[in-house]
Protein backbone atom coordinates (compact mmCIF):
# COMPACT_ATOMS: atom_id res chain seq x y z
CA MET A 1 33.21 71.85 89.33
CA ALA A 2 31.90 69.21 87.20
CA ASP A 3 31.91 70.73 84.12
CA SER A 4 35.67 71.57 83.91
CA VAL A 5 37.51 69.69 81.40
CA VAL A 6 39.75 68.53 83.86
CA LEU A 7 38.86 67.56 87.62
CA ILE A 8 40.61 67.00 90.80
CA GLU A 9 40.45 65.71 93.47
CA VAL A 10 43.20 64.06 96.11
CA VAL A 11 43.30 60.94 97.08
CA ASP A 12 45.45 60.58 100.64
CA ARG A 13 48.99 61.87 99.26
CA VAL A 14 48.23 61.33 95.40
CA GLY A 15 46.90 64.34 93.36
CA LEU A 16 44.42 62.55 90.93
CA MET A 17 43.78 64.36 87.27
CA ARG A 18 40.91 63.22 85.33
CA ILE A 19 40.15 64.34 81.88
CA ASN A 20 36.24 65.22 81.45
CA ARG A 21 35.56 65.15 78.06
CA PRO A 22 33.22 62.23 77.58
CA ARG A 23 31.34 63.39 74.56
CA GLN A 24 35.08 63.71 72.93
CA ARG A 25 36.40 60.51 74.22
CA ASN A 26 38.75 62.98 75.91
CA ALA A 27 39.93 64.02 73.00
CA LEU A 28 43.24 66.41 73.66
CA ASN A 29 42.88 69.97 73.04
CA GLY A 30 44.66 72.97 74.55
CA ALA A 31 42.08 73.33 77.49
CA VAL A 32 42.51 69.95 78.55
CA MET A 33 46.57 70.27 78.32
CA SER A 34 46.67 73.42 79.99
CA ALA A 35 44.50 72.18 83.05
CA LEU A 36 46.52 68.77 83.63
CA ILE A 37 49.75 70.91 82.97
CA VAL A 38 48.42 73.63 85.78
CA ALA A 39 47.28 70.99 87.94
CA ALA A 40 50.17 68.50 87.72
CA GLU A 41 52.73 71.69 88.67
CA GLN A 42 50.38 72.39 91.85
CA PHE A 43 50.67 69.20 93.06
CA ASP A 44 54.00 68.93 92.24
CA ALA A 45 54.70 72.25 94.59
CA ASP A 46 52.65 70.56 97.11
CA PRO A 47 54.84 68.68 100.15
CA LYS A 48 51.46 66.73 101.03
CA ILE A 49 51.52 65.22 97.80
CA GLY A 50 53.46 62.44 97.23
CA ALA A 51 52.61 61.16 93.56
CA LEU A 52 50.36 61.89 90.78
CA VAL A 53 47.86 59.98 88.35
CA ILE A 54 46.02 60.81 85.51
CA THR A 55 42.83 59.32 83.68
CA GLY A 56 40.18 59.47 81.73
CA ASP A 57 37.39 57.39 82.08
CA ASP A 58 35.80 53.86 81.65
CA ALA A 59 35.62 54.26 77.99
CA ALA A 60 38.72 56.28 76.92
CA PHE A 61 41.73 57.97 78.40
CA ALA A 62 42.04 59.78 75.84
CA ALA A 63 41.44 59.25 72.11
CA GLY A 64 43.47 61.70 70.62
CA ALA A 65 44.45 65.05 69.84
CA ASP A 66 41.10 67.45 69.08
CA ILE A 67 41.30 67.35 65.26
CA ALA A 68 38.45 69.98 64.89
CA ASP A 69 40.90 71.76 67.09
CA MET A 70 44.28 71.35 64.38
CA ALA A 71 42.86 70.97 60.83
CA SER A 72 43.02 74.30 59.76
CA THR A 73 46.35 75.08 61.96
CA THR A 74 49.07 76.29 59.75
CA THR A 75 52.85 75.78 60.26
CA VAL A 76 53.25 79.26 61.65
CA GLU A 77 50.60 78.06 64.20
CA MET A 78 51.66 75.48 65.04
CA LEU A 79 55.63 76.73 66.02
CA THR A 80 53.97 79.64 68.00
CA ASN A 81 51.01 78.55 69.97
CA GLY A 82 53.24 76.40 72.09
CA ARG A 83 50.59 73.55 72.76
CA ILE A 84 52.67 70.71 71.90
CA GLU A 85 56.00 72.43 74.55
CA LEU A 86 53.27 71.40 77.32
CA TRP A 87 54.03 68.08 77.01
CA ASP A 88 57.61 69.81 77.62
CA ARG A 89 56.34 70.86 80.61
CA LEU A 90 55.40 67.55 82.08
CA LYS A 91 58.39 65.94 81.99
CA ARG A 92 59.86 69.13 83.94
CA ILE A 93 57.39 67.35 86.83
CA LYS A 94 59.56 66.25 89.66
CA LYS A 95 56.91 63.60 91.69
CA PRO A 96 56.25 60.19 89.86
CA ILE A 97 53.41 60.16 87.67
CA VAL A 98 51.18 57.19 87.07
CA ALA A 99 48.45 57.31 83.98
CA ALA A 100 45.54 55.37 84.61
CA VAL A 101 44.62 54.02 81.29
CA SER A 102 40.95 52.24 80.33
CA GLY A 103 39.61 52.37 76.59
CA TRP A 104 40.91 54.39 73.60
CA CYS A 105 44.24 55.96 74.32
CA LEU A 106 45.31 57.14 71.21
CA GLY A 107 47.21 59.75 69.31
CA GLY A 108 47.94 62.53 71.42
CA GLY A 109 46.92 60.08 74.33
CA CYS A 110 48.89 57.46 73.94
CA GLU A 111 52.00 60.33 73.80
CA LEU A 112 50.17 61.63 77.18
CA ALA A 113 50.35 57.85 79.15
CA MET A 114 54.08 57.61 77.57
CA ALA A 115 54.72 60.81 79.50
CA CYS A 116 54.01 59.38 82.52
CA ASP A 117 56.38 57.07 84.70
CA MET A 118 53.83 54.28 84.71
CA ILE A 119 50.73 53.34 83.29
CA VAL A 120 48.35 50.97 84.62
CA ALA A 121 45.74 49.85 81.92
CA SER A 122 42.36 47.89 82.25
CA GLU A 123 41.75 45.22 80.21
CA THR A 124 39.93 47.07 77.67
CA ALA A 125 42.99 49.48 76.79
CA GLN A 126 44.03 50.17 73.36
CA PHE A 127 46.65 51.85 72.37
CA GLY A 128 48.43 53.43 69.10
CA GLN A 129 49.71 56.28 67.64
CA PRO A 130 47.30 56.31 64.22
CA GLU A 131 48.34 59.84 62.65
CA ILE A 132 49.49 58.44 59.76
CA ASN A 133 45.77 57.93 58.93
CA ILE A 134 45.27 62.15 58.96
CA GLY A 135 48.34 62.48 56.85
CA VAL A 136 50.68 63.17 59.71
CA ILE A 137 52.84 61.67 62.32
CA PRO A 138 53.21 61.80 66.00
CA GLY A 139 54.52 65.20 67.26
CA ALA A 140 54.66 65.55 71.38
CA GLY A 141 56.91 62.46 71.72
CA GLY A 142 55.08 59.69 70.47
CA THR A 143 57.85 58.14 67.58
CA GLN A 144 60.65 58.34 70.26
CA ARG A 145 58.91 57.29 73.67
CA LEU A 146 57.03 53.93 71.77
CA THR A 147 60.58 53.25 70.19
CA ARG A 148 62.17 53.15 73.65
CA ALA A 149 59.39 51.32 75.09
CA VAL A 150 58.48 48.48 72.49
CA GLY A 151 61.65 48.45 70.44
CA LYS A 152 62.13 49.93 66.52
CA ALA A 153 59.94 47.08 64.60
CA LEU A 154 56.89 46.78 66.84
CA ALA A 155 56.98 50.66 66.96
CA MET A 156 57.53 51.07 62.98
CA GLU A 157 54.14 49.63 62.69
CA VAL A 158 51.96 51.27 65.19
CA VAL A 159 53.49 54.02 63.67
CA LEU A 160 53.58 53.65 59.61
CA ASN A 161 50.38 51.23 59.77
CA GLY A 162 48.14 52.62 62.13
CA ARG A 163 48.14 49.24 64.53
CA PHE A 164 46.39 49.28 67.74
CA LEU A 165 48.01 47.37 70.58
CA SER A 166 45.78 45.11 73.25
CA ALA A 167 46.41 45.94 76.89
CA LYS A 168 47.61 42.22 77.22
CA GLU A 169 50.12 43.01 74.16
CA ALA A 170 51.20 46.17 75.73
CA LEU A 171 52.19 44.69 78.54
CA GLN A 172 54.05 41.72 76.47
CA ALA A 173 56.02 44.36 74.98
CA GLY A 174 57.00 46.53 78.11
CA LEU A 175 54.59 49.63 77.38
CA VAL A 176 52.55 49.43 80.40
CA ASN A 177 53.08 47.72 84.02
CA ARG A 178 50.23 46.09 85.08
CA VAL A 179 46.95 44.93 83.08
CA LEU A 180 43.37 44.82 85.11
CA PRO A 181 39.50 44.17 85.09
CA VAL A 182 38.22 47.63 84.26
CA GLU A 183 36.43 48.36 87.51
CA MET A 184 40.44 47.08 89.41
CA HIS A 185 42.52 49.88 87.55
CA LEU A 186 42.12 52.87 88.80
CA THR A 187 42.35 51.74 92.48
CA LEU A 188 45.81 49.89 91.39
CA ALA A 189 46.38 52.81 90.12
CA LEU A 190 45.82 55.09 93.01
CA GLU A 191 47.34 52.11 95.70
CA LEU A 192 50.73 52.24 93.67
CA ALA A 193 51.02 55.79 93.66
CA ASN A 194 50.21 55.89 97.60
CA GLN A 195 53.08 53.56 97.87
CA ILE A 196 55.30 55.44 95.75
CA ALA A 197 54.54 58.65 97.81
CA ALA A 198 54.91 57.00 101.50
CA ARG A 199 58.71 56.52 100.34
CA ALA A 200 61.73 58.80 101.29
CA PRO A 201 60.78 62.14 98.76
CA LEU A 202 64.02 62.72 97.99
CA ALA A 203 65.16 59.28 97.00
CA VAL A 204 61.81 59.18 94.80
CA ARG A 205 62.91 62.52 93.08
CA LEU A 206 66.75 62.01 92.41
CA GLY A 207 65.39 57.84 91.40
CA LYS A 208 62.77 59.07 88.99
CA GLU A 209 65.28 61.71 87.36
CA ALA A 210 68.21 58.68 86.94
CA VAL A 211 65.83 56.17 85.47
CA ASN A 212 64.45 58.89 83.11
CA ASN A 213 68.39 59.67 82.35
CA ALA A 214 68.79 56.19 81.30
CA PHE A 215 66.83 57.20 78.31
CA GLU A 216 68.74 59.98 76.95
CA THR A 217 72.78 59.43 78.32
CA PRO A 218 75.02 56.81 77.32
CA LEU A 219 75.75 54.22 80.02
CA THR A 220 79.14 55.86 81.46
CA ASP A 221 77.26 59.32 82.06
CA GLY A 222 74.20 57.98 83.33
CA ILE A 223 75.86 55.83 86.27
CA ALA A 224 78.20 58.90 87.04
CA GLY A 225 75.11 60.98 87.57
CA GLU A 226 73.60 58.07 88.93
CA ARG A 227 75.99 57.82 91.52
CA ARG A 228 76.15 61.68 92.14
CA SER A 229 72.55 61.04 93.40
CA PHE A 230 73.19 58.39 95.32
CA TYR A 231 76.40 60.35 97.11
CA LEU A 232 73.82 63.49 97.40
CA LEU A 233 71.27 61.31 99.59
CA PHE A 234 73.72 60.94 102.07
CA SER A 235 73.35 64.50 103.14
CA SER A 236 69.90 64.18 103.96
CA ASP A 237 68.09 63.28 107.03
CA ASP A 238 66.02 60.62 105.50
CA GLN A 239 68.59 58.61 104.62
CA LYS A 240 69.93 58.34 108.10
CA GLU A 241 66.46 57.66 109.41
CA GLY A 242 65.74 55.34 106.61
CA MET A 243 68.89 53.59 107.49
CA GLN A 244 68.40 53.82 111.03
CA ALA A 245 65.10 52.58 111.24
CA PHE A 246 66.00 49.67 109.19
CA LEU A 247 68.78 48.94 112.26
CA GLU A 248 65.93 49.32 114.88
CA LYS A 249 63.58 47.29 112.70
CA ARG A 250 61.14 50.03 113.17
CA LYS A 251 58.89 51.53 110.24
CA PRO A 252 60.82 55.12 109.23
CA VAL A 253 59.28 58.48 109.45
CA TRP A 254 60.59 60.66 106.29
CA THR A 255 60.36 64.68 106.20
CA GLY A 256 61.82 64.86 102.94
CA LYS A 257 64.74 66.77 103.97
């Protein structure tokens, strides 16, 4: 539906979700986040889908949370309404998620992009966590994911002084994967997602899990987890197919089993 806050479509083997609140610069509210999560979970459960892309429009990926939706909210309401916990559900999506970012990517929008696995940005993208300007701090993972991506010094400036990062700065700092002209960024994000979707599904799932674990576990534990997943894949049909196809110099046919 054109009037939906999130537009859903399938492009080859990729589930595409477009935030659709252009008049509000795609500001995130409960309805948007709920629709995104429901769509992402449905794509995650669909064996025909191998990867996901979240995007906005050329002017804004998402210019933050909807402040009008939060201005009078109390502490108790924030604790009980479950809105921020929606980001936790996004983290549990097993398939890779690419954010295609153009224009404003601020506050909750920046947190949403960073909760994805990869970011493809247009040359106009602007990343920031300007919550300090309205008397709060990021609350959906911004201080943690940004620091892990760009380091303490730059994260401090972004969080404490509201500094914006251009697409070029974000690329140099390691926050994004690629920067392209506006008219090309979504196309490349879909190409990247479709390339990943063409890989062995179980290996993709466990590879994503292993990389994410690197940020949350000590090195020894992370390597042990990686090794368990590596060994586990040797019980899959895809491992046998992949190695046999390599030896026979042909393209493998994955079954996700």
